[in-house]
C-alpha atoms as a PDB file:
ATOM      1  CA  MET A   1    -146.425-129.486  35.495  1.00  0.00           C
ATOM      2  CA  VAL A   2    -149.454-129.233  37.918  1.00  0.00           C
ATOM      3  CA  TYR A   3    -148.758-129.113  41.647  1.00  0.00           C
ATOM      4  CA  VAL A   4    -151.463-130.214  44.057  1.00  0.00           C
ATOM      5  CA  PRO A   5    -150.875-128.509  46.978  1.00  0.00           C
ATOM      6  CA  ASP A   6    -154.093-130.184  49.025  1.00  0.00           C
ATOM      7  CA  ALA A   7    -153.288-133.901  48.189  1.00  0.00           C
ATOM      8  CA  THR A   8    -154.220-135.797  50.749  1.00  0.00           C
ATOM      9  CA  ALA A   9    -152.483-138.909  52.000  1.00  0.00           C
ATOM     10  CA  GLY A  10    -153.929-141.227  49.768  1.00  0.00           C
ATOM     11  CA  ASP A  11    -153.620-139.776  46.119  1.00  0.00           C
ATOM     12  CA  ARG A  12    -149.925-138.909  46.163  1.00  0.00           C
ATOM     13  CA  GLU A  13    -148.290-140.782  43.630  1.00  0.00           C
ATOM     14  CA  LEU A  14    -146.221-138.426  41.366  1.00  0.00           C
ATOM     15  CA  TRP A  15    -143.912-136.183  42.944  1.00  0.00           C
ATOM     16  CA  LYS A  16    -141.521-133.451  40.408  1.00  0.00           C
ATOM     17  CA  PHE A  17    -138.545-131.730  40.703  1.00  0.00           C
ATOM     18  CA  SER A  18    -135.811-129.802  38.430  1.00  0.00           C
ATOM     19  CA  GLU A  19    -133.727-133.371  38.059  1.00  0.00           C
ATOM     20  CA  GLY A  20    -136.868-135.815  37.609  1.00  0.00           C
ATOM     21  CA  PHE A  21    -139.420-137.399  39.477  1.00  0.00           C
ATOM     22  CA  TYR A  22    -140.924-140.122  41.866  1.00  0.00           C
ATOM     23  CA  ILE A  23    -143.626-142.414  40.881  1.00  0.00           C
ATOM     24  CA  LYS A  24    -145.541-145.243  42.454  1.00  0.00           C
ATOM     25  CA  GLN A  25    -145.571-148.369  40.835  1.00  0.00           C
ATOM     26  CA  GLN A  26    -147.587-151.421  42.060  1.00  0.00           C
ATOM     27  CA  ASN A  27    -147.735-152.139  46.133  1.00  0.00           C
ATOM     28  CA  ASP A  28    -145.585-150.105  47.975  1.00  0.00           C
ATOM     29  CA  ARG A  29    -142.903-149.824  45.092  1.00  0.00           C
ATOM     30  CA  TRP A  30    -141.360-146.445  43.809  1.00  0.00           C
ATOM     31  CA  THR A  31    -138.970-145.469  41.187  1.00  0.00           C
ATOM     32  CA  GLU A  32    -137.153-142.447  40.831  1.00  0.00           C
ATOM     33  CA  ARG A  33    -136.461-141.252  37.151  1.00  0.00           C
ATOM     34  CA  ASN A  34    -134.603-138.451  35.550  1.00  0.00           C
ATOM     35  CA  ASN A  35    -136.258-136.153  33.076  1.00  0.00           C
ATOM     36  CA  ALA A  36    -135.375-138.834  30.628  1.00  0.00           C
ATOM     37  CA  GLY A  37    -137.650-141.031  32.021  1.00  0.00           C
ATOM     38  CA  GLU A  38    -135.010-143.372  33.118  1.00  0.00           C
ATOM     39  CA  VAL A  39    -135.041-144.950  36.288  1.00  0.00           C
ATOM     40  CA  THR A  40    -132.114-143.884  38.402  1.00  0.00           C
ATOM     41  CA  PHE A  41    -133.378-145.384  41.927  1.00  0.00           C
ATOM     42  CA  ARG A  42    -135.497-147.849  43.364  1.00  0.00           C
ATOM     43  CA  PHE A  43    -137.867-147.411  46.897  1.00  0.00           C
ATOM     44  CA  VAL A  44    -140.046-149.105  49.334  1.00  0.00           C
ATOM     45  CA  GLU A  45    -142.635-146.949  50.947  1.00  0.00           C
ATOM     46  CA  THR A  46    -142.460-146.964  54.131  1.00  0.00           C
ATOM     47  CA  LYS A  47    -144.458-144.452  55.856  1.00  0.00           C
ATOM     48  CA  ARG A  48    -147.709-142.291  54.378  1.00  0.00           C
ATOM     49  CA  THR A  49    -148.676-139.141  56.684  1.00  0.00           C
ATOM     50  CA  ASP A  50    -150.718-135.907  55.970  1.00  0.00           C
ATOM     51  CA  GLU A  51    -147.104-134.095  55.899  1.00  0.00           C
ATOM     52  CA  PHE A  52    -144.972-136.498  53.935  1.00  0.00           C
ATOM     53  CA  VAL A  53    -144.565-139.669  51.734  1.00  0.00           C
ATOM     54  CA  GLU A  54    -141.780-141.775  53.143  1.00  0.00           C
ATOM     55  CA  LEU A  55    -139.444-143.755  50.772  1.00  0.00           C
ATOM     56  CA  PHE A  56    -136.438-146.120  51.606  1.00  0.00           C
ATOM     57  CA  ASP A  57    -133.787-147.351  49.179  1.00  0.00           C
ATOM     58  CA  LYS A  58    -131.832-150.567  50.803  1.00  0.00           C
ATOM     59  CA  ASN A  59    -129.015-150.224  48.329  1.00  0.00           C
ATOM     60  CA  ARG A  60    -128.117-146.851  49.853  1.00  0.00           C
ATOM     61  CA  ASN A  61    -129.617-146.999  53.013  1.00  0.00           C
ATOM     62  CA  ALA A  62    -131.185-143.938  52.609  1.00  0.00           C
ATOM     63  CA  THR A  63    -134.792-142.718  53.637  1.00  0.00           C
ATOM     64  CA  ILE A  64    -136.643-139.979  51.433  1.00  0.00           C
ATOM     65  CA  ARG A  65    -139.406-137.874  52.782  1.00  0.00           C
ATOM     66  CA  LEU A  66    -141.311-136.310  50.071  1.00  0.00           C
ATOM     67  CA  ARG A  67    -143.230-133.245  51.238  1.00  0.00           C
ATOM     68  CA  LEU A  68    -145.533-130.577  50.109  1.00  0.00           C
ATOM     69  CA  LYS A  69    -143.052-128.466  48.381  1.00  0.00           C
ATOM     70  CA  MET A  70    -139.659-130.001  49.284  1.00  0.00           C
ATOM     71  CA  TRP A  71    -137.986-133.631  49.624  1.00  0.00           C
ATOM     72  CA  MET A  72    -135.307-134.385  52.299  1.00  0.00           C
ATOM     73  CA  ILE A  73    -132.924-137.125  52.660  1.00  0.00           C
ATOM     74  CA  ASN A  74    -131.660-139.056  55.784  1.00  0.00           C
ATOM     75  CA  GLN A  75    -128.625-141.375  55.311  1.00  0.00           C
ATOM     76  CA  GLY A  76    -128.547-143.405  58.142  1.00  0.00           C
ATOM     77  CA  ASP A  77    -127.358-140.941  60.554  1.00  0.00           C
ATOM     78  CA  GLY A  78    -130.717-139.998  62.002  1.00  0.00           C
ATOM     79  CA  LYS A  79    -130.946-136.268  60.400  1.00  0.00           C
ATOM     80  CA  PHE A  80    -133.285-135.307  57.695  1.00  0.00           C
ATOM     81  CA  GLU A  81    -131.628-132.901  54.992  1.00  0.00           C
ATOM     82  CA  LYS A  82    -133.380-130.863  52.450  1.00  0.00           C
ATOM     83  CA  LEU A  83    -132.003-131.184  48.760  1.00  0.00           C
ATOM     84  CA  TYR A  84    -134.546-130.227  46.222  1.00  0.00           C
ATOM     85  CA  GLU A  85    -137.439-128.564  46.259  1.00  0.00           C
ATOM     86  CA  GLY A  86    -140.716-129.679  43.889  1.00  0.00           C
ATOM     87  CA  GLY A  87    -144.090-130.968  45.040  1.00  0.00           C
ATOM     88  CA  TRP A  88    -146.627-133.263  44.086  1.00  0.00           C
ATOM     89  CA  ALA A  89    -148.483-133.419  40.712  1.00  0.00           C
ATOM     90  CA  ASP A  90    -151.273-135.303  38.681  1.00  0.00           C
ATOM     91  CA  LYS A  91    -150.438-138.589  37.209  1.00  0.00           C
END
């Protein structure tokens, strides 16, 4: 796994962590996949800044923020909590 610590807002399309990875699909669609490559959740990208890429899963009412070294989740209560460490990788 090759982490990309200086990834710019435009080139972040793959984020890896111990349980699997998030990968950008066409348009603003993303999938979360386990280490076997099976799709576990589907997201729509809602925001992209220099600090994070924000994804929304309407089925779970969950917002994910993929940051440089961790991902955080908000399950509708307005608070983001850190769940996993990981990072941006080359596609």
